Amino acid sequence: METIPELKRIIMVDDHQIFIDGLKSMLIKERNWVICGEFNTAEDALKEIPLLKPDLVITDISMPGMSGVELTRKLKNEFPEIKVLVLSMHNEREIISEILLSEAEGYVLKNSGKKDFISAIHNILNGDTYFSSEVLKIMTDRVRKQARQEEVTAQLTDREMEIINLIVREFTTSEIAEKLFISPRTVDSHRKNILVKTNSKTIVGLMKYAFRNGLVT
């Protein structure tokens, strides 16, 4: 006798019921999984998850009370076997980084198509991960930007790093020269080289670069 595969259990968490209803209508023809719960707050979902025992939690990020990021962290801490797919309109690098750090298995933007959404569920339930193409592009762009910044930082000499730290601490050219036992003209020369290397147009831009890349000691 042929063994009938056990249906995968999914719950949805979103504060907009109309969005949950839309997702359910997309999944109604799928025979490999079943929607076993739907909630409008993360708190309500957490109360029922031990009883429902879902294989996958699909959650929004921005919700009243506990956010989807917090929910994901709690799930990974208390129920590490449960997979998480995040759906959101947010495409900011900072938020995507938060989701990655929370260890969610997937992140799909809400403006993605049905094919993207279905593929995400299939991949995750089969033990893989899934991030929509726009999310992957944002992640890739960030990695490239960080690599470029690290390359620039590596080009800075020890003397230039000293001067950057003194500039950030609002030392004047004369004060920097006196502290480092060099001439003001040499300080100006170093300053020009630093601006070129960090692609900064002004001292304010240089200060922002220094803080952003951890150059300040």
C-alpha atoms as a PDB file:
ATOM      1  CA  MET A   1       0.000   0.000   0.000  1.00  0.00           C
ATOM      2  CA  GLU A   2       1.319   3.420  -0.974  1.00  0.00           C
ATOM      3  CA  THR A   3       2.179   5.620   1.988  1.00  0.00           C
ATOM      4  CA  ILE A   4       0.422   8.972   1.974  1.00  0.00           C
ATOM      5  CA  PRO A   5       2.924  11.728   2.874  1.00  0.00           C
ATOM      6  CA  GLU A   6       2.085  13.682   5.989  1.00  0.00           C
ATOM      7  CA  LEU A   7       0.902  17.219   5.266  1.00  0.00           C
ATOM      8  CA  LYS A   8       3.195  20.015   6.373  1.00  0.00           C
ATOM      9  CA  ARG A   9       1.578  22.371   8.848  1.00  0.00           C
ATOM     10  CA  ILE A  10       1.726  26.149   8.342  1.00  0.00           C
ATOM     11  CA  ILE A  11       0.549  29.065  10.458  1.00  0.00           C
ATOM     12  CA  MET A  12       0.304  32.697   9.331  1.00  0.00           C
ATOM     13  CA  VAL A  13       0.916  35.786  11.440  1.00  0.00           C
ATOM     14  CA  ASP A  14      -0.083  39.192  10.061  1.00  0.00           C
ATOM     15  CA  ASP A  15      -2.039  42.074  11.558  1.00  0.00           C
ATOM     16  CA  HIS A  16      -3.953  42.528   8.290  1.00  0.00           C
ATOM     17  CA  GLN A  17      -6.539  39.774   7.978  1.00  0.00           C
ATOM     18  CA  ILE A  18      -7.163  40.685   4.347  1.00  0.00           C
ATOM     19  CA  PHE A  19      -3.544  39.785   3.567  1.00  0.00           C
ATOM     20  CA  ILE A  20      -3.856  36.425   5.345  1.00  0.00           C
ATOM     21  CA  ASP A  21      -7.029  35.730   3.362  1.00  0.00           C
ATOM     22  CA  GLY A  22      -5.184  36.554   0.139  1.00  0.00           C
ATOM     23  CA  LEU A  23      -2.366  34.146   0.962  1.00  0.00           C
ATOM     24  CA  LYS A  24      -4.810  31.392   1.837  1.00  0.00           C
ATOM     25  CA  SER A  25      -6.544  31.788  -1.520  1.00  0.00           C
ATOM     26  CA  MET A  26      -3.184  31.336  -3.259  1.00  0.00           C
ATOM     27  CA  LEU A  27      -2.416  28.178  -1.291  1.00  0.00           C
ATOM     28  CA  ILE A  28      -5.802  26.518  -1.535  1.00  0.00           C
ATOM     29  CA  LYS A  29      -4.781  24.293  -4.468  1.00  0.00           C
ATOM     30  CA  GLU A  30      -1.590  23.085  -2.824  1.00  0.00           C
ATOM     31  CA  ARG A  31      -1.844  19.503  -1.555  1.00  0.00           C
ATOM     32  CA  ASN A  32       1.447  19.223   0.325  1.00  0.00           C
ATOM     33  CA  TRP A  33       0.568  21.455   3.245  1.00  0.00           C
ATOM     34  CA  VAL A  34      -2.308  22.711   5.358  1.00  0.00           C
ATOM     35  CA  ILE A  35      -2.957  26.046   7.082  1.00  0.00           C
ATOM     36  CA  CYS A  36      -3.447  25.049  10.714  1.00  0.00           C
ATOM     37  CA  GLY A  37      -3.597  28.512  12.270  1.00  0.00           C
ATOM     38  CA  GLU A  38      -3.811  32.223  11.541  1.00  0.00           C
ATOM     39  CA  PHE A  39      -3.116  35.069  13.959  1.00  0.00           C
ATOM     40  CA  ASN A  40      -3.094  38.857  13.914  1.00  0.00           C
ATOM     41  CA  THR A  41      -0.439  39.247  16.648  1.00  0.00           C
ATOM     42  CA  ALA A  42       2.807  37.467  17.418  1.00  0.00           C
ATOM     43  CA  GLU A  43       1.779  37.097  21.058  1.00  0.00           C
ATOM     44  CA  ASP A  44      -1.349  35.111  20.129  1.00  0.00           C
ATOM     45  CA  ALA A  45       0.667  32.915  17.774  1.00  0.00           C
ATOM     46  CA  LEU A  46       3.238  32.066  20.459  1.00  0.00           C
ATOM     47  CA  LYS A  47       0.503  30.911  22.816  1.00  0.00           C
ATOM     48  CA  GLU A  48      -0.818  28.371  20.314  1.00  0.00           C
ATOM     49  CA  ILE A  49       2.380  27.211  18.611  1.00  0.00           C
ATOM     50  CA  PRO A  50       3.149  24.486  21.231  1.00  0.00           C
ATOM     51  CA  LEU A  51      -0.274  22.957  20.527  1.00  0.00           C
ATOM     52  CA  LEU A  52      -0.391  23.478  16.746  1.00  0.00           C
ATOM     53  CA  LYS A  53       3.203  22.270  16.197  1.00  0.00           C
ATOM     54  CA  PRO A  54       3.671  23.931  12.802  1.00  0.00           C
ATOM     55  CA  ASP A  55       6.470  23.059  10.400  1.00  0.00           C
ATOM     56  CA  LEU A  56       6.525  26.628   9.061  1.00  0.00           C
ATOM     57  CA  VAL A  57       5.566  30.032  10.410  1.00  0.00           C
ATOM     58  CA  ILE A  58       4.901  32.776   7.850  1.00  0.00           C
ATOM     59  CA  THR A  59       5.087  36.174   9.527  1.00  0.00           C
ATOM     60  CA  ASP A  60       4.989  39.882   8.781  1.00  0.00           C
ATOM     61  CA  ILE A  61       7.575  42.208  10.376  1.00  0.00           C
ATOM     62  CA  SER A  62       5.627  45.310  11.420  1.00  0.00           C
ATOM     63  CA  MET A  63       2.817  44.349  13.804  1.00  0.00           C
ATOM     64  CA  PRO A  64       1.348  45.830  16.981  1.00  0.00           C
ATOM     65  CA  GLY A  65       3.230  44.600  20.029  1.00  0.00           C
ATOM     66  CA  MET A  66       5.889  42.035  19.226  1.00  0.00           C
ATOM     67  CA  SER A  67       7.479  42.414  15.797  1.00  0.00           C
ATOM     68  CA  GLY A  68       8.110  39.621  13.328  1.00  0.00           C
ATOM     69  CA  VAL A  69      11.833  39.872  14.042  1.00  0.00           C
ATOM     70  CA  GLU A  70      11.240  39.325  17.771  1.00  0.00           C
ATOM     71  CA  LEU A  71       8.864  36.466  17.002  1.00  0.00           C
ATOM     72  CA  THR A  72      11.491  34.808  14.802  1.00  0.00           C
ATOM     73  CA  ARG A  73      14.143  35.093  17.516  1.00  0.00           C
ATOM     74  CA  LYS A  74      11.816  33.550  20.096  1.00  0.00           C
ATOM     75  CA  LEU A  75      10.883  30.721  17.754  1.00  0.00           C
ATOM     76  CA  LYS A  76      14.512  29.938  16.979  1.00  0.00           C
ATOM     77  CA  ASN A  77      15.313  29.938  20.689  1.00  0.00           C
ATOM     78  CA  GLU A  78      12.333  27.918  21.919  1.00  0.00           C
ATOM     79  CA  PHE A  79      11.392  25.843  18.845  1.00  0.00           C
ATOM     80  CA  PRO A  80      14.500  25.638  16.617  1.00  0.00           C
ATOM     81  CA  GLU A  81      12.932  22.930  14.453  1.00  0.00           C
ATOM     82  CA  ILE A  82      10.244  25.347  13.194  1.00  0.00           C
ATOM     83  CA  LYS A  83      11.060  27.103   9.913  1.00  0.00           C
ATOM     84  CA  VAL A  84      10.283  30.806   9.440  1.00  0.00           C
ATOM     85  CA  LEU A  85       9.398  32.706   6.272  1.00  0.00           C
ATOM     86  CA  VAL A  86       9.214  36.484   6.627  1.00  0.00           C
ATOM     87  CA  LEU A  87       6.924  38.479   4.344  1.00  0.00           C
ATOM     88  CA  SER A  88       7.251  42.241   4.406  1.00  0.00           C
ATOM     89  CA  MET A  89       7.128  45.464   2.410  1.00  0.00           C
ATOM     90  CA  HIS A  90      10.431  46.525   4.013  1.00  0.00           C
ATOM     91  CA  ASN A  91      13.466  46.374   1.715  1.00  0.00           C
ATOM     92  CA  GLU A  92      15.879  48.442   3.823  1.00  0.00           C
ATOM     93  CA  ARG A  93      19.333  46.916   4.320  1.00  0.00           C
ATOM     94  CA  GLU A  94      19.145  47.308   8.100  1.00  0.00           C
ATOM     95  CA  ILE A  95      15.889  45.361   8.368  1.00  0.00           C
ATOM     96  CA  ILE A  96      17.114  42.644   6.005  1.00  0.00           C
ATOM     97  CA  SER A  97      20.224  42.303   8.176  1.00  0.00           C
ATOM     98  CA  GLU A  98      18.019  41.917  11.267  1.00  0.00           C
ATOM     99  CA  ILE A  99      16.098  39.122   9.583  1.00  0.00           C
ATOM    100  CA  LEU A 100      19.304  37.347   8.595  1.00  0.00           C
ATOM    101  CA  LEU A 101      20.637  37.620  12.145  1.00  0.00           C
ATOM    102  CA  SER A 102      17.365  36.235  13.502  1.00  0.00           C
ATOM    103  CA  GLU A 103      18.079  33.105  11.401  1.00  0.00           C
ATOM    104  CA  ALA A 104      14.819  33.083   9.421  1.00  0.00           C
ATOM    105  CA  GLU A 105      14.949  30.621   6.525  1.00  0.00           C
ATOM    106  CA  GLY A 106      13.424  33.021   4.032  1.00  0.00           C
ATOM    107  CA  TYR A 107      12.493  36.616   3.263  1.00  0.00           C
ATOM    108  CA  VAL A 108      10.087  37.561   0.480  1.00  0.00           C
ATOM    109  CA  LEU A 109       8.767  41.040  -0.247  1.00  0.00           C
ATOM    110  CA  LYS A 110       4.992  41.373  -0.214  1.00  0.00           C
ATOM    111  CA  ASN A 111       4.990  42.822  -3.705  1.00  0.00           C
ATOM    112  CA  SER A 112       6.489  39.581  -5.054  1.00  0.00           C
ATOM    113  CA  GLY A 113       4.390  37.341  -7.261  1.00  0.00           C
ATOM    114  CA  LYS A 114       2.622  34.094  -6.432  1.00  0.00           C
ATOM    115  CA  LYS A 115       5.402  32.023  -8.039  1.00  0.00           C
ATOM    116  CA  ASP A 116       7.981  33.599  -5.718  1.00  0.00           C
ATOM    117  CA  PHE A 117       5.838  32.950  -2.673  1.00  0.00           C
ATOM    118  CA  ILE A 118       5.062  29.312  -3.541  1.00  0.00           C
ATOM    119  CA  SER A 119       8.720  28.636  -4.370  1.00  0.00           C
ATOM    120  CA  ALA A 120       9.749  30.056  -0.993  1.00  0.00           C
ATOM    121  CA  ILE A 121       7.436  27.683   0.880  1.00  0.00           C
ATOM    122  CA  HIS A 122       8.527  24.647  -1.160  1.00  0.00           C
ATOM    123  CA  ASN A 123      12.224  25.417  -0.691  1.00  0.00           C
ATOM    124  CA  ILE A 124      11.991  26.046   3.030  1.00  0.00           C
ATOM    125  CA  LEU A 125       9.844  22.990   3.773  1.00  0.00           C
ATOM    126  CA  ASN A 126      12.376  20.915   1.812  1.00  0.00           C
ATOM    127  CA  GLY A 127      15.187  22.083   4.065  1.00  0.00           C
ATOM    128  CA  ASP A 128      16.559  24.925   1.946  1.00  0.00           C
ATOM    129  CA  THR A 129      16.367  28.714   2.249  1.00  0.00           C
ATOM    130  CA  TYR A 130      14.703  31.265   0.002  1.00  0.00           C
ATOM    131  CA  PHE A 131      15.249  35.000  -0.421  1.00  0.00           C
ATOM    132  CA  SER A 132      13.502  36.913  -3.197  1.00  0.00           C
ATOM    133  CA  SER A 133      15.638  38.343  -6.000  1.00  0.00           C
ATOM    134  CA  GLU A 134      15.281  41.933  -4.790  1.00  0.00           C
ATOM    135  CA  VAL A 135      16.369  40.948  -1.277  1.00  0.00           C
ATOM    136  CA  LEU A 136      19.352  39.038  -2.686  1.00  0.00           C
ATOM    137  CA  LYS A 137      20.369  42.089  -4.737  1.00  0.00           C
ATOM    138  CA  ILE A 138      20.251  44.313  -1.655  1.00  0.00           C
ATOM    139  CA  MET A 139      22.310  41.777   0.306  1.00  0.00           C
ATOM    140  CA  THR A 140      24.848  41.465  -2.531  1.00  0.00           C
ATOM    141  CA  ASP A 141      25.145  45.239  -2.907  1.00  0.00           C
ATOM    142  CA  ARG A 142      25.834  45.554   0.801  1.00  0.00           C
ATOM    143  CA  VAL A 143      28.553  42.890   0.717  1.00  0.00           C
ATOM    144  CA  ARG A 144      30.190  44.614  -2.246  1.00  0.00           C
ATOM    145  CA  LYS A 145      30.016  47.983  -0.514  1.00  0.00           C
ATOM    146  CA  GLN A 146      31.569  46.534   2.645  1.00  0.00           C
ATOM    147  CA  ALA A 147      34.323  44.920   0.566  1.00  0.00           C
ATOM    148  CA  ARG A 148      35.094  48.257  -1.092  1.00  0.00           C
ATOM    149  CA  GLN A 149      35.162  50.000   2.290  1.00  0.00           C
ATOM    150  CA  GLU A 150      37.496  47.347   3.725  1.00  0.00           C
ATOM    151  CA  GLU A 151      39.764  47.766   0.698  1.00  0.00           C
ATOM    152  CA  VAL A 152      39.866  51.538   1.229  1.00  0.00           C
ATOM    153  CA  THR A 153      40.516  51.157   4.954  1.00  0.00           C
ATOM    154  CA  ALA A 154      43.382  48.773   4.255  1.00  0.00           C
ATOM    155  CA  GLN A 155      45.043  51.481   2.138  1.00  0.00           C
ATOM    156  CA  LEU A 156      45.200  53.928   5.053  1.00  0.00           C
ATOM    157  CA  THR A 157      48.594  54.179   6.742  1.00  0.00           C
ATOM    158  CA  ASP A 158      49.082  54.161  10.512  1.00  0.00           C
ATOM    159  CA  ARG A 159      49.845  57.889  10.383  1.00  0.00           C
ATOM    160  CA  GLU A 160      46.660  58.574   8.440  1.00  0.00           C
ATOM    161  CA  MET A 161      44.665  56.557  10.980  1.00  0.00           C
ATOM    162  CA  GLU A 162      46.175  58.684  13.762  1.00  0.00           C
ATOM    163  CA  ILE A 163      45.188  61.863  11.961  1.00  0.00           C
ATOM    164  CA  ILE A 164      41.646  60.604  11.306  1.00  0.00           C
ATOM    165  CA  ASN A 165      41.168  59.961  15.019  1.00  0.00           C
ATOM    166  CA  LEU A 166      42.436  63.432  15.890  1.00  0.00           C
ATOM    167  CA  ILE A 167      40.192  65.035  13.251  1.00  0.00           C
ATOM    168  CA  VAL A 168      37.187  63.217  14.697  1.00  0.00           C
ATOM    169  CA  ARG A 169      38.161  64.558  18.126  1.00  0.00           C
ATOM    170  CA  GLU A 170      38.082  68.042  16.561  1.00  0.00           C
ATOM    171  CA  PHE A 171      41.806  68.777  16.781  1.00  0.00           C
ATOM    172  CA  THR A 172      42.875  71.651  14.529  1.00  0.00           C
ATOM    173  CA  THR A 173      45.660  71.344  11.962  1.00  0.00           C
ATOM    174  CA  SER A 174      48.082  73.138  14.299  1.00  0.00           C
ATOM    175  CA  GLU A 175      47.118  70.926  17.250  1.00  0.00           C
ATOM    176  CA  ILE A 176      47.539  67.767  15.175  1.00  0.00           C
ATOM    177  CA  ALA A 177      50.949  68.947  13.973  1.00  0.00           C
ATOM    178  CA  GLU A 178      52.048  69.685  17.517  1.00  0.00           C
ATOM    179  CA  LYS A 179      50.786  66.380  18.896  1.00  0.00           C
ATOM    180  CA  LEU A 180      52.418  64.280  16.163  1.00  0.00           C
ATOM    181  CA  PHE A 181      55.594  66.374  15.925  1.00  0.00           C
ATOM    182  CA  ILE A 182      55.091  67.146  12.249  1.00  0.00           C
ATOM    183  CA  SER A 183      54.535  70.362  10.322  1.00  0.00           C
ATOM    184  CA  PRO A 184      51.056  71.805   9.581  1.00  0.00           C
ATOM    185  CA  ARG A 185      51.871  71.468   5.871  1.00  0.00           C
ATOM    186  CA  THR A 186      52.454  67.727   6.364  1.00  0.00           C
ATOM    187  CA  VAL A 187      49.127  67.465   8.192  1.00  0.00           C
ATOM    188  CA  ASP A 188      47.378  69.179   5.271  1.00  0.00           C
ATOM    189  CA  SER A 189      49.030  66.780   2.849  1.00  0.00           C
ATOM    190  CA  HIS A 190      47.889  63.782   4.882  1.00  0.00           C
ATOM    191  CA  ARG A 191      44.393  65.229   5.121  1.00  0.00           C
ATOM    192  CA  LYS A 192      44.135  65.576   1.331  1.00  0.00           C
ATOM    193  CA  ASN A 193      45.332  61.993   0.831  1.00  0.00           C
ATOM    194  CA  ILE A 194      42.810  60.725   3.385  1.00  0.00           C
ATOM    195  CA  LEU A 195      39.907  62.502   1.670  1.00  0.00           C
ATOM    196  CA  VAL A 196      40.913  60.989  -1.670  1.00  0.00           C
ATOM    197  CA  LYS A 197      41.341  57.452  -0.270  1.00  0.00           C
ATOM    198  CA  THR A 198      38.004  57.498   1.591  1.00  0.00           C
ATOM    199  CA  ASN A 199      36.193  59.236  -1.260  1.00  0.00           C
ATOM    200  CA  SER A 200      35.087  61.946   1.175  1.00  0.00           C
ATOM    201  CA  LYS A 201      34.462  65.457  -0.125  1.00  0.00           C
ATOM    202  CA  THR A 202      34.499  67.214   3.237  1.00  0.00           C
ATOM    203  CA  ILE A 203      35.767  66.716   6.775  1.00  0.00           C
ATOM    204  CA  VAL A 204      32.187  66.061   7.883  1.00  0.00           C
ATOM    205  CA  GLY A 205      31.971  63.322   5.253  1.00  0.00           C
ATOM    206  CA  LEU A 206      35.256  61.903   6.521  1.00  0.00           C
ATOM    207  CA  MET A 207      33.957  61.859  10.091  1.00  0.00           C
ATOM    208  CA  LYS A 208      30.840  59.962   8.971  1.00  0.00           C
ATOM    209  CA  TYR A 209      33.039  57.475   7.100  1.00  0.00           C
ATOM    210  CA  ALA A 210      35.246  56.998  10.152  1.00  0.00           C
ATOM    211  CA  PHE A 211      32.329  56.245  12.476  1.00  0.00           C
ATOM    212  CA  ARG A 212      30.558  54.040   9.944  1.00  0.00           C
ATOM    213  CA  ASN A 213      33.642  51.888   9.374  1.00  0.00           C
ATOM    214  CA  GLY A 214      34.869  51.692  12.961  1.00  0.00           C
ATOM    215  CA  LEU A 215      38.018  53.738  12.419  1.00  0.00           C
ATOM    216  CA  VAL A 216      37.545  55.738  15.627  1.00  0.00           C
ATOM    217  CA  THR A 217      39.416  54.355  18.625  1.00  0.00           C
END
